[in-house]
């Protein structure tokens, strides 16, 4: 896979960036679209014409989304961990019950 230079546009500004392949180019396109959309949203909400201010506010919004989603993911992973522990506990109980039933069956023969 060879590196290629592509041109992207975010908030009326063109930038040249290096990508490694077609899949990377599609991914970069999605990122570009997302950042451009966030900057457009901030520009409308803030009524600012200062591109740097809009970029910083958009970056803060994106960072907030990232940390909020990371917190939710951490909470979900914690819940999953508890559920896995509960399942292991239940499996242990079932195995013990199986052993108890086998012992009773053997004793009654």
PDB file of N, CA and C in Angstrom:
ATOM      1  N   UNK A   1       0.838  -1.178   0.000  1.00  0.00           N
ATOM      2  CA  UNK A   1       0.000   0.000   0.000  1.00  0.00           C
ATOM      3  C   UNK A   1       0.888   1.249   0.000  1.00  0.00           C
ATOM      4  N   UNK A   2       0.620   2.147  -0.912  1.00  0.00           N
ATOM      5  CA  UNK A   2       1.431   3.352  -0.973  1.00  0.00           C
ATOM      6  C   UNK A   2       0.670   4.535  -0.392  1.00  0.00           C
ATOM      7  N   UNK A   3       1.435   5.428   0.157  1.00  0.00           N
ATOM      8  CA  UNK A   3       0.846   6.656   0.693  1.00  0.00           C
ATOM      9  C   UNK A   3       0.452   7.564  -0.462  1.00  0.00           C
ATOM     10  N   UNK A   4      -0.667   8.245  -0.280  1.00  0.00           N
ATOM     11  CA  UNK A   4      -1.105   9.221  -1.272  1.00  0.00           C
ATOM     12  C   UNK A   4      -1.470  10.506  -0.554  1.00  0.00           C
ATOM     13  N   UNK A   5      -1.386  11.586  -1.261  1.00  0.00           N
ATOM     14  CA  UNK A   5      -1.792  12.891  -0.742  1.00  0.00           C
ATOM     15  C   UNK A   5      -3.169  13.193  -1.332  1.00  0.00           C
ATOM     16  N   UNK A   6      -4.114  13.508  -0.437  1.00  0.00           N
ATOM     17  CA  UNK A   6      -5.434  13.905  -0.920  1.00  0.00           C
ATOM     18  C   UNK A   6      -5.751  15.296  -0.376  1.00  0.00           C
ATOM     19  N   UNK A   7      -6.669  15.942  -1.041  1.00  0.00           N
ATOM     20  CA  UNK A   7      -7.089  17.267  -0.587  1.00  0.00           C
ATOM     21  C   UNK A   7      -8.461  17.144   0.058  1.00  0.00           C
ATOM     22  N   UNK A   8      -8.579  17.704   1.236  1.00  0.00           N
ATOM     23  CA  UNK A   8      -9.860  17.722   1.933  1.00  0.00           C
ATOM     24  C   UNK A   8     -10.263  19.179   2.153  1.00  0.00           C
ATOM     25  N   UNK A   9     -11.539  19.379   2.441  1.00  0.00           N
ATOM     26  CA  UNK A   9     -12.012  20.729   2.731  1.00  0.00           C
ATOM     27  C   UNK A   9     -12.841  20.692   4.007  1.00  0.00           C
ATOM     28  N   UNK A  10     -12.429  21.513   4.952  1.00  0.00           N
ATOM     29  CA  UNK A  10     -13.162  21.657   6.206  1.00  0.00           C
ATOM     30  C   UNK A  10     -13.403  23.147   6.429  1.00  0.00           C
ATOM     31  N   UNK A  11     -14.659  23.475   6.524  1.00  0.00           N
ATOM     32  CA  UNK A  11     -15.075  24.854   6.781  1.00  0.00           C
ATOM     33  C   UNK A  11     -14.403  25.845   5.821  1.00  0.00           C
ATOM     34  N   UNK A  12     -14.571  25.554   4.544  1.00  0.00           N
ATOM     35  CA  UNK A  12     -14.075  26.393   3.443  1.00  0.00           C
ATOM     36  C   UNK A  12     -12.546  26.465   3.359  1.00  0.00           C
ATOM     37  N   UNK A  13     -11.853  25.672   4.121  1.00  0.00           N
ATOM     38  CA  UNK A  13     -10.379  25.654   4.084  1.00  0.00           C
ATOM     39  C   UNK A  13      -9.922  24.330   3.471  1.00  0.00           C
ATOM     40  N   UNK A  14      -9.053  24.409   2.502  1.00  0.00           N
ATOM     41  CA  UNK A  14      -8.533  23.194   1.867  1.00  0.00           C
ATOM     42  C   UNK A  14      -7.224  22.799   2.543  1.00  0.00           C
ATOM     43  N   UNK A  15      -7.080  21.495   2.723  1.00  0.00           N
ATOM     44  CA  UNK A  15      -5.880  20.944   3.363  1.00  0.00           C
ATOM     45  C   UNK A  15      -5.448  19.714   2.586  1.00  0.00           C
ATOM     46  N   UNK A  16      -4.144  19.514   2.493  1.00  0.00           N
ATOM     47  CA  UNK A  16      -3.614  18.305   1.874  1.00  0.00           C
ATOM     48  C   UNK A  16      -3.120  17.397   3.000  1.00  0.00           C
ATOM     49  N   UNK A  17      -3.577  16.139   2.945  1.00  0.00           N
ATOM     50  CA  UNK A  17      -3.149  15.180   3.957  1.00  0.00           C
ATOM     51  C   UNK A  17      -2.745  13.863   3.287  1.00  0.00           C
ATOM     52  N   UNK A  18      -1.953  13.108   3.987  1.00  0.00           N
ATOM     53  CA  UNK A  18      -1.450  11.832   3.483  1.00  0.00           C
ATOM     54  C   UNK A  18      -2.360  10.698   3.970  1.00  0.00           C
ATOM     55  N   UNK A  19      -2.746   9.808   3.045  1.00  0.00           N
ATOM     56  CA  UNK A  19      -3.527   8.619   3.395  1.00  0.00           C
ATOM     57  C   UNK A  19      -2.799   7.387   2.871  1.00  0.00           C
ATOM     58  N   UNK A  20      -3.109   6.241   3.485  1.00  0.00           N
ATOM     59  CA  UNK A  20      -2.386   5.012   3.143  1.00  0.00           C
ATOM     60  C   UNK A  20      -3.102   4.137   2.133  1.00  0.00           C
ATOM     61  N   UNK A  21      -4.389   4.313   1.940  1.00  0.00           N
ATOM     62  CA  UNK A  21      -5.106   3.475   0.983  1.00  0.00           C
ATOM     63  C   UNK A  21      -6.526   3.959   0.798  1.00  0.00           C
ATOM     64  N   UNK A  22      -7.284   3.208  -0.029  1.00  0.00           N
ATOM     65  CA  UNK A  22      -8.664   3.607  -0.300  1.00  0.00           C
ATOM     66  C   UNK A  22      -9.516   3.618   0.954  1.00  0.00           C
ATOM     67  N   UNK A  23      -9.352   2.589   1.793  1.00  0.00           N
ATOM     68  CA  UNK A  23     -10.145   2.530   3.012  1.00  0.00           C
ATOM     69  C   UNK A  23      -9.828   3.723   3.906  1.00  0.00           C
ATOM     70  N   UNK A  24      -8.564   4.062   4.015  1.00  0.00           N
ATOM     71  CA  UNK A  24      -8.186   5.239   4.798  1.00  0.00           C
ATOM     72  C   UNK A  24      -8.796   6.505   4.202  1.00  0.00           C
ATOM     73  N   UNK A  25      -8.850   6.558   2.885  1.00  0.00           N
ATOM     74  CA  UNK A  25      -9.409   7.747   2.230  1.00  0.00           C
ATOM     75  C   UNK A  25     -10.900   7.876   2.549  1.00  0.00           C
ATOM     76  N   UNK A  26     -11.626   6.772   2.552  1.00  0.00           N
ATOM     77  CA  UNK A  26     -13.048   6.800   2.912  1.00  0.00           C
ATOM     78  C   UNK A  26     -13.216   7.220   4.372  1.00  0.00           C
ATOM     79  N   UNK A  27     -12.373   6.697   5.222  1.00  0.00           N
ATOM     80  CA  UNK A  27     -12.427   7.035   6.648  1.00  0.00           C
ATOM     81  C   UNK A  27     -12.127   8.523   6.853  1.00  0.00           C
ATOM     82  N   UNK A  28     -11.099   9.014   6.179  1.00  0.00           N
ATOM     83  CA  UNK A  28     -10.751  10.433   6.252  1.00  0.00           C
ATOM     84  C   UNK A  28     -11.921  11.278   5.744  1.00  0.00           C
ATOM     85  N   UNK A  29     -12.604  10.806   4.727  1.00  0.00           N
ATOM     86  CA  UNK A  29     -13.773  11.517   4.207  1.00  0.00           C
ATOM     87  C   UNK A  29     -14.869  11.629   5.259  1.00  0.00           C
ATOM     88  N   UNK A  30     -15.091  10.543   6.012  1.00  0.00           N
ATOM     89  CA  UNK A  30     -16.094  10.588   7.075  1.00  0.00           C
ATOM     90  C   UNK A  30     -15.663  11.540   8.182  1.00  0.00           C
ATOM     91  N   UNK A  31     -14.388  11.498   8.553  1.00  0.00           N
ATOM     92  CA  UNK A  31     -13.881  12.407   9.582  1.00  0.00           C
ATOM     93  C   UNK A  31     -14.017  13.860   9.130  1.00  0.00           C
ATOM     94  N   UNK A  32     -13.628  14.106   7.894  1.00  0.00           N
ATOM     95  CA  UNK A  32     -13.696  15.452   7.326  1.00  0.00           C
ATOM     96  C   UNK A  32     -15.125  15.977   7.376  1.00  0.00           C
ATOM     97  N   UNK A  33     -16.048  15.155   6.951  1.00  0.00           N
ATOM     98  CA  UNK A  33     -17.458  15.540   6.941  1.00  0.00           C
ATOM     99  C   UNK A  33     -17.957  15.834   8.354  1.00  0.00           C
ATOM    100  N   UNK A  34     -17.543  15.006   9.304  1.00  0.00           N
ATOM    101  CA  UNK A  34     -17.974  15.175  10.695  1.00  0.00           C
ATOM    102  C   UNK A  34     -17.446  16.494  11.275  1.00  0.00           C
ATOM    103  N   UNK A  35     -16.164  16.750  11.090  1.00  0.00           N
ATOM    104  CA  UNK A  35     -15.554  17.976  11.624  1.00  0.00           C
ATOM    105  C   UNK A  35     -16.159  19.201  10.943  1.00  0.00           C
ATOM    106  N   UNK A  36     -16.341  19.123   9.635  1.00  0.00           N
ATOM    107  CA  UNK A  36     -16.948  20.252   8.913  1.00  0.00           C
ATOM    108  C   UNK A  36     -18.352  20.531   9.450  1.00  0.00           C
ATOM    109  N   UNK A  37     -19.125  19.468   9.658  1.00  0.00           N
ATOM    110  CA  UNK A  37     -20.485  19.618  10.200  1.00  0.00           C
ATOM    111  C   UNK A  37     -20.448  20.275  11.579  1.00  0.00           C
ATOM    112  N   UNK A  38     -19.540  19.828  12.437  1.00  0.00           N
ATOM    113  CA  UNK A  38     -19.430  20.400  13.783  1.00  0.00           C
ATOM    114  C   UNK A  38     -19.065  21.878  13.713  1.00  0.00           C
ATOM    115  N   UNK A  39     -18.163  22.237  12.816  1.00  0.00           N
ATOM    116  CA  UNK A  39     -17.780  23.637  12.684  1.00  0.00           C
ATOM    117  C   UNK A  39     -18.951  24.470  12.171  1.00  0.00           C
ATOM    118  N   UNK A  40     -19.713  23.933  11.236  1.00  0.00           N
ATOM    119  CA  UNK A  40     -20.889  24.644  10.727  1.00  0.00           C
ATOM    120  C   UNK A  40     -21.889  24.870  11.863  1.00  0.00           C
ATOM    121  N   UNK A  41     -22.116  23.837  12.688  1.00  0.00           N
ATOM    122  CA  UNK A  41     -23.035  23.967  13.831  1.00  0.00           C
ATOM    123  C   UNK A  41     -22.585  25.069  14.789  1.00  0.00           C
ATOM    124  N   UNK A  42     -21.295  25.048  15.125  1.00  0.00           N
ATOM    125  CA  UNK A  42     -20.756  26.042  16.057  1.00  0.00           C
ATOM    126  C   UNK A  42     -20.874  27.446  15.479  1.00  0.00           C
ATOM    127  N   UNK A  43     -20.579  27.579  14.198  1.00  0.00           N
ATOM    128  CA  UNK A  43     -20.653  28.900  13.560  1.00  0.00           C
ATOM    129  C   UNK A  43     -22.067  29.467  13.651  1.00  0.00           C
ATOM    130  N   UNK A  44     -23.061  28.624  13.428  1.00  0.00           N
ATOM    131  CA  UNK A  44     -24.457  29.083  13.490  1.00  0.00           C
ATOM    132  C   UNK A  44     -24.831  29.444  14.925  1.00  0.00           C
ATOM    133  N   UNK A  45     -24.464  28.571  15.869  1.00  0.00           N
ATOM    134  CA  UNK A  45     -24.848  28.800  17.268  1.00  0.00           C
ATOM    135  C   UNK A  45     -24.121  29.992  17.890  1.00  0.00           C
ATOM    136  N   UNK A  46     -22.870  30.201  17.498  1.00  0.00           N
ATOM    137  CA  UNK A  46     -22.078  31.255  18.138  1.00  0.00           C
ATOM    138  C   UNK A  46     -22.167  32.596  17.410  1.00  0.00           C
ATOM    139  N   UNK A  47     -22.688  32.584  16.207  1.00  0.00           N
ATOM    140  CA  UNK A  47     -22.726  33.789  15.377  1.00  0.00           C
ATOM    141  C   UNK A  47     -21.344  34.409  15.207  1.00  0.00           C
ATOM    142  N   UNK A  48     -20.313  33.575  15.265  1.00  0.00           N
ATOM    143  CA  UNK A  48     -18.949  34.079  15.126  1.00  0.00           C
ATOM    144  C   UNK A  48     -18.478  33.936  13.682  1.00  0.00           C
ATOM    145  N   UNK A  49     -17.607  34.844  13.289  1.00  0.00           N
ATOM    146  CA  UNK A  49     -16.968  34.733  11.974  1.00  0.00           C
ATOM    147  C   UNK A  49     -15.483  34.430  12.118  1.00  0.00           C
ATOM    148  N   UNK A  50     -15.029  34.289  13.345  1.00  0.00           N
ATOM    149  CA  UNK A  50     -13.622  33.996  13.625  1.00  0.00           C
ATOM    150  C   UNK A  50     -13.388  32.489  13.464  1.00  0.00           C
ATOM    151  N   UNK A  51     -12.714  32.117  12.377  1.00  0.00           N
ATOM    152  CA  UNK A  51     -12.491  30.706  12.071  1.00  0.00           C
ATOM    153  C   UNK A  51     -11.758  29.969  13.186  1.00  0.00           C
ATOM    154  N   UNK A  52     -10.784  30.617  13.800  1.00  0.00           N
ATOM    155  CA  UNK A  52     -10.039  29.959  14.878  1.00  0.00           C
ATOM    156  C   UNK A  52     -10.950  29.684  16.069  1.00  0.00           C
ATOM    157  N   UNK A  53     -11.759  30.664  16.429  1.00  0.00           N
ATOM    158  CA  UNK A  53     -12.690  30.476  17.545  1.00  0.00           C
ATOM    159  C   UNK A  53     -13.670  29.341  17.232  1.00  0.00           C
ATOM    160  N   UNK A  54     -14.164  29.310  16.016  1.00  0.00           N
ATOM    161  CA  UNK A  54     -15.098  28.251  15.602  1.00  0.00           C
ATOM    162  C   UNK A  54     -14.409  26.891  15.662  1.00  0.00           C
ATOM    163  N   UNK A  55     -13.159  26.814  15.204  1.00  0.00           N
ATOM    164  CA  UNK A  55     -12.420  25.548  15.237  1.00  0.00           C
ATOM    165  C   UNK A  55     -12.190  25.079  16.673  1.00  0.00           C
ATOM    166  N   UNK A  56     -11.837  26.017  17.552  1.00  0.00           N
ATOM    167  CA  UNK A  56     -11.590  25.658  18.958  1.00  0.00           C
ATOM    168  C   UNK A  56     -12.880  25.188  19.622  1.00  0.00           C
ATOM    169  N   UNK A  57     -13.976  25.902  19.391  1.00  0.00           N
ATOM    170  CA  UNK A  57     -15.259  25.504  19.980  1.00  0.00           C
ATOM    171  C   UNK A  57     -15.727  24.148  19.435  1.00  0.00           C
ATOM    172  N   UNK A  58     -15.524  23.928  18.148  1.00  0.00           N
ATOM    173  CA  UNK A  58     -15.885  22.633  17.552  1.00  0.00           C
ATOM    174  C   UNK A  58     -15.023  21.523  18.161  1.00  0.00           C
ATOM    175  N   UNK A  59     -13.733  21.800  18.339  1.00  0.00           N
ATOM    176  CA  UNK A  59     -12.840  20.803  18.953  1.00  0.00           C
ATOM    177  C   UNK A  59     -13.284  20.486  20.378  1.00  0.00           C
ATOM    178  N   UNK A  60     -13.689  21.512  21.120  1.00  0.00           N
ATOM    179  CA  UNK A  60     -14.190  21.287  22.480  1.00  0.00           C
ATOM    180  C   UNK A  60     -15.472  20.462  22.471  1.00  0.00           C
ATOM    181  N   UNK A  61     -16.363  20.731  21.527  1.00  0.00           N
ATOM    182  CA  UNK A  61     -17.590  19.937  21.419  1.00  0.00           C
ATOM    183  C   UNK A  61     -17.280  18.481  21.081  1.00  0.00           C
ATOM    184  N   UNK A  62     -16.355  18.275  20.168  1.00  0.00           N
ATOM    185  CA  UNK A  62     -15.969  16.914  19.789  1.00  0.00           C
ATOM    186  C   UNK A  62     -15.301  16.204  20.969  1.00  0.00           C
ATOM    187  N   UNK A  63     -14.447  16.918  21.693  1.00  0.00           N
ATOM    188  CA  UNK A  63     -13.796  16.329  22.871  1.00  0.00           C
ATOM    189  C   UNK A  63     -14.833  15.975  23.932  1.00  0.00           C
ATOM    190  N   UNK A  64     -15.830  16.836  24.115  1.00  0.00           N
ATOM    191  CA  UNK A  64     -16.902  16.556  25.078  1.00  0.00           C
ATOM    192  C   UNK A  64     -17.661  15.291  24.678  1.00  0.00           C
ATOM    193  N   UNK A  65     -17.991  15.172  23.396  1.00  0.00           N
ATOM    194  CA  UNK A  65     -18.663  13.961  22.910  1.00  0.00           C
ATOM    195  C   UNK A  65     -17.805  12.732  23.175  1.00  0.00           C
ATOM    196  N   UNK A  66     -16.518  12.848  22.884  1.00  0.00           N
ATOM    197  CA  UNK A  66     -15.598  11.725  23.087  1.00  0.00           C
ATOM    198  C   UNK A  66     -15.589  11.280  24.547  1.00  0.00           C
ATOM    199  N   UNK A  67     -15.392  12.234  25.471  1.00  0.00           N
ATOM    200  CA  UNK A  67     -15.304  11.871  26.883  1.00  0.00           C
ATOM    201  C   UNK A  67     -16.643  11.384  27.435  1.00  0.00           C
ATOM    202  N   UNK A  68     -17.749  11.942  26.962  1.00  0.00           N
ATOM    203  CA  UNK A  68     -19.065  11.457  27.383  1.00  0.00           C
ATOM    204  C   UNK A  68     -19.276  10.019  26.910  1.00  0.00           C
ATOM    205  N   UNK A  69     -18.929   9.760  25.659  1.00  0.00           N
ATOM    206  CA  UNK A  69     -19.072   8.404  25.128  1.00  0.00           C
ATOM    207  C   UNK A  69     -18.115   7.426  25.800  1.00  0.00           C
ATOM    208  N   UNK A  70     -16.917   7.892  26.119  1.00  0.00           N
ATOM    209  CA  UNK A  70     -15.952   7.035  26.812  1.00  0.00           C
ATOM    210  C   UNK A  70     -16.473   6.678  28.201  1.00  0.00           C
ATOM    211  N   UNK A  71     -17.071   7.648  28.885  1.00  0.00           N
ATOM    212  CA  UNK A  71     -17.638   7.390  30.213  1.00  0.00           C
ATOM    213  C   UNK A  71     -18.767   6.367  30.119  1.00  0.00           C
ATOM    214  N   UNK A  72     -19.636   6.525  29.109  1.00  0.00           N
ATOM    215  CA  UNK A  72     -20.725   5.563  28.913  1.00  0.00           C
ATOM    216  C   UNK A  72     -20.171   4.165  28.615  1.00  0.00           C
ATOM    217  N   UNK A  73     -19.137   4.108  27.788  1.00  0.00           N
ATOM    218  CA  UNK A  73     -18.527   2.822  27.453  1.00  0.00           C
ATOM    219  C   UNK A  73     -17.910   2.177  28.692  1.00  0.00           C
ATOM    220  N   UNK A  74     -17.227   2.983  29.510  1.00  0.00           N
ATOM    221  CA  UNK A  74     -16.648   2.462  30.756  1.00  0.00           C
ATOM    222  C   UNK A  74     -17.744   1.918  31.674  1.00  0.00           C
ATOM    223  N   UNK A  75     -18.865   2.638  31.760  1.00  0.00           N
ATOM    224  CA  UNK A  75     -19.980   2.180  32.589  1.00  0.00           C
ATOM    225  C   UNK A  75     -20.562   0.877  32.045  1.00  0.00           C
ATOM    226  N   UNK A  76     -20.710   0.782  30.727  1.00  0.00           N
ATOM    227  CA  UNK A  76     -21.213  -0.453  30.117  1.00  0.00           C
ATOM    228  C   UNK A  76     -20.256  -1.613  30.363  1.00  0.00           C
ATOM    229  N   UNK A  77     -18.958  -1.350  30.247  1.00  0.00           N
ATOM    230  CA  UNK A  77     -17.973  -2.404  30.503  1.00  0.00           C
ATOM    231  C   UNK A  77     -18.034  -2.868  31.951  1.00  0.00           C
ATOM    232  N   UNK A  78     -18.293  -1.943  32.865  1.00  0.00           N
ATOM    233  CA  UNK A  78     -18.427  -2.302  34.275  1.00  0.00           C
ATOM    234  C   UNK A  78     -19.660  -3.184  34.482  1.00  0.00           C
ATOM    235  N   UNK A  79     -20.773  -2.810  33.855  1.00  0.00           N
ATOM    236  CA  UNK A  79     -21.992  -3.617  33.952  1.00  0.00           C
ATOM    237  C   UNK A  79     -21.753  -5.003  33.364  1.00  0.00           C
ATOM    238  N   UNK A  80     -21.085  -5.060  32.226  1.00  0.00           N
ATOM    239  CA  UNK A  80     -20.777  -6.344  31.590  1.00  0.00           C
ATOM    240  C   UNK A  80     -19.897  -7.182  32.512  1.00  0.00           C
ATOM    241  N   UNK A  81     -18.929  -6.552  33.159  1.00  0.00           N
ATOM    242  CA  UNK A  81     -18.070  -7.265  34.105  1.00  0.00           C
ATOM    243  C   UNK A  81     -18.869  -7.870  35.249  1.00  0.00           C
ATOM    244  N   UNK A  82     -19.824  -7.088  35.781  1.00  0.00           N
ATOM    245  CA  UNK A  82     -20.684  -7.612  36.857  1.00  0.00           C
ATOM    246  C   UNK A  82     -21.534  -8.772  36.353  1.00  0.00           C
ATOM    247  N   UNK A  83     -22.052  -8.629  35.140  1.00  0.00           N
ATOM    248  CA  UNK A  83     -22.882  -9.695  34.576  1.00  0.00           C
ATOM    249  C   UNK A  83     -22.061 -10.967  34.359  1.00  0.00           C
ATOM    250  N   UNK A  84     -20.829 -10.816  33.897  1.00  0.00           N
ATOM    251  CA  UNK A  84     -19.961 -11.978  33.702  1.00  0.00           C
ATOM    252  C   UNK A  84     -19.689 -12.671  35.034  1.00  0.00           C
ATOM    253  N   UNK A  85     -19.468 -11.876  36.086  1.00  0.00           N
ATOM    254  CA  UNK A  85     -19.243 -12.448  37.419  1.00  0.00           C
ATOM    255  C   UNK A  85     -20.480 -13.207  37.891  1.00  0.00           C
ATOM    256  N   UNK A  86     -21.650 -12.620  37.676  1.00  0.00           N
ATOM    257  CA  UNK A  86     -22.902 -13.277  38.054  1.00  0.00           C
ATOM    258  C   UNK A  86     -23.083 -14.587  37.298  1.00  0.00           C
ATOM    259  N   UNK A  87     -22.778 -14.569  35.999  1.00  0.00           N
ATOM    260  CA  UNK A  87     -22.890 -15.789  35.195  1.00  0.00           C
ATOM    261  C   UNK A  87     -21.943 -16.876  35.703  1.00  0.00           C
ATOM    262  N   UNK A  88     -20.718 -16.491  36.023  1.00  0.00           N
ATOM    263  CA  UNK A  88     -19.759 -17.458  36.558  1.00  0.00           C
ATOM    264  C   UNK A  88     -20.269 -18.042  37.871  1.00  0.00           C
ATOM    265  N   UNK A  89     -20.838 -17.194  38.698  1.00  0.00           N
ATOM    266  CA  UNK A  89     -21.398 -17.627  39.978  1.00  0.00           C
ATOM    267  C   UNK A  89     -22.539 -18.620  39.754  1.00  0.00           C
ATOM    268  N   UNK A  90     -23.417 -18.287  38.810  1.00  0.00           N
ATOM    269  CA  UNK A  90     -24.530 -19.181  38.496  1.00  0.00           C
ATOM    270  C   UNK A  90     -24.033 -20.512  37.928  1.00  0.00           C
ATOM    271  N   UNK A  91     -23.024 -20.446  37.070  1.00  0.00           N
ATOM    272  CA  UNK A  91     -22.449 -21.674  36.516  1.00  0.00           C
ATOM    273  C   UNK A  91     -21.881 -22.547  37.627  1.00  0.00           C
ATOM    274  N   UNK A  92     -21.186 -21.921  38.578  1.00  0.00           N
ATOM    275  CA  UNK A  92     -20.635 -22.666  39.715  1.00  0.00           C
ATOM    276  C   UNK A  92     -21.748 -23.330  40.515  1.00  0.00           C
ATOM    277  N   UNK A  93     -22.834 -22.594  40.753  1.00  0.00           N
ATOM    278  CA  UNK A  93     -23.971 -23.154  41.496  1.00  0.00           C
ATOM    279  C   UNK A  93     -24.581 -24.329  40.748  1.00  0.00           C
ATOM    280  N   UNK A  94     -24.731 -24.188  39.427  1.00  0.00           N
ATOM    281  CA  UNK A  94     -25.301 -25.270  38.632  1.00  0.00           C
ATOM    282  C   UNK A  94     -24.403 -26.501  38.656  1.00  0.00           C
ATOM    283  N   UNK A  95     -23.104 -26.290  38.562  1.00  0.00           N
ATOM    284  CA  UNK A  95     -22.170 -27.419  38.612  1.00  0.00           C
ATOM    285  C   UNK A  95     -22.233 -28.113  39.960  1.00  0.00           C
ATOM    286  N   UNK A  96     -22.325 -27.350  41.036  1.00  0.00           N
ATOM    287  CA  UNK A  96     -22.450 -27.931  42.374  1.00  0.00           C
ATOM    288  C   UNK A  96     -23.756 -28.704  42.496  1.00  0.00           C
ATOM    289  N   UNK A  97     -24.854 -28.134  41.955  1.00  0.00           N
ATOM    290  CA  UNK A  97     -26.139 -28.820  41.979  1.00  0.00           C
ATOM    291  C   UNK A  97     -26.072 -30.126  41.194  1.00  0.00           C
ATOM    292  N   UNK A  98     -25.390 -30.088  40.042  1.00  0.00           N
ATOM    293  CA  UNK A  98     -25.208 -31.308  39.243  1.00  0.00           C
ATOM    294  C   UNK A  98     -24.479 -32.374  40.049  1.00  0.00           C
ATOM    295  N   UNK A  99     -23.386 -31.956  40.722  1.00  0.00           N
ATOM    296  CA  UNK A  99     -22.623 -32.895  41.551  1.00  0.00           C
ATOM    297  C   UNK A  99     -23.485 -33.443  42.683  1.00  0.00           C
ATOM    298  N   UNK A 100     -24.293 -32.600  43.299  1.00  0.00           N
ATOM    299  CA  UNK A 100     -25.172 -33.030  44.389  1.00  0.00           C
ATOM    300  C   UNK A 100     -26.185 -34.049  43.875  1.00  0.00           C
ATOM    301  N   UNK A 101     -26.774 -33.777  42.716  1.00  0.00           N
ATOM    302  CA  UNK A 101     -27.758 -34.703  42.139  1.00  0.00           C
ATOM    303  C   UNK A 101     -27.099 -36.037  41.827  1.00  0.00           C
ATOM    304  N   UNK A 102     -25.890 -35.988  41.250  1.00  0.00           N
ATOM    305  CA  UNK A 102     -25.175 -37.241  40.946  1.00  0.00           C
ATOM    306  C   UNK A 102     -24.894 -38.026  42.222  1.00  0.00           C
ATOM    307  N   UNK A 103     -24.477 -37.329  43.268  1.00  0.00           N
ATOM    308  CA  UNK A 103     -24.187 -38.002  44.540  1.00  0.00           C
ATOM    309  C   UNK A 103     -25.443 -38.636  45.130  1.00  0.00           C
ATOM    310  N   UNK A 104     -26.566 -37.946  45.033  1.00  0.00           N
ATOM    311  CA  UNK A 104     -27.835 -38.478  45.555  1.00  0.00           C
ATOM    312  C   UNK A 104     -28.247 -39.712  44.747  1.00  0.00           C
ATOM    313  N   UNK A 105     -28.114 -39.594  43.401  1.00  0.00           N
ATOM    314  CA  UNK A 105     -28.490 -40.730  42.541  1.00  0.00           C
ATOM    315  C   UNK A 105     -27.623 -41.947  42.837  1.00  0.00           C
ATOM    316  N   UNK A 106     -26.319 -41.721  43.033  1.00  0.00           N
ATOM    317  CA  UNK A 106     -25.422 -42.830  43.330  1.00  0.00           C
ATOM    318  C   UNK A 106     -25.735 -43.443  44.709  1.00  0.00           C
ATOM    319  N   UNK A 107     -26.094 -42.602  45.657  1.00  0.00           N
ATOM    320  CA  UNK A 107     -26.378 -43.090  47.003  1.00  0.00           C
ATOM    321  C   UNK A 107     -27.691 -43.877  47.047  1.00  0.00           C
ATOM    322  N   UNK A 108     -28.623 -43.579  46.157  1.00  0.00           N
ATOM    323  CA  UNK A 108     -29.917 -44.263  46.162  1.00  0.00           C
ATOM    324  C   UNK A 108     -29.935 -45.503  45.287  1.00  0.00           C
ATOM    325  N   UNK A 109     -28.880 -45.846  44.664  1.00  0.00           N
ATOM    326  CA  UNK A 109     -28.840 -47.047  43.795  1.00  0.00           C
ATOM    327  C   UNK A 109     -28.714 -48.296  44.610  1.00  0.00           C
TER     328      UNK A 109
END
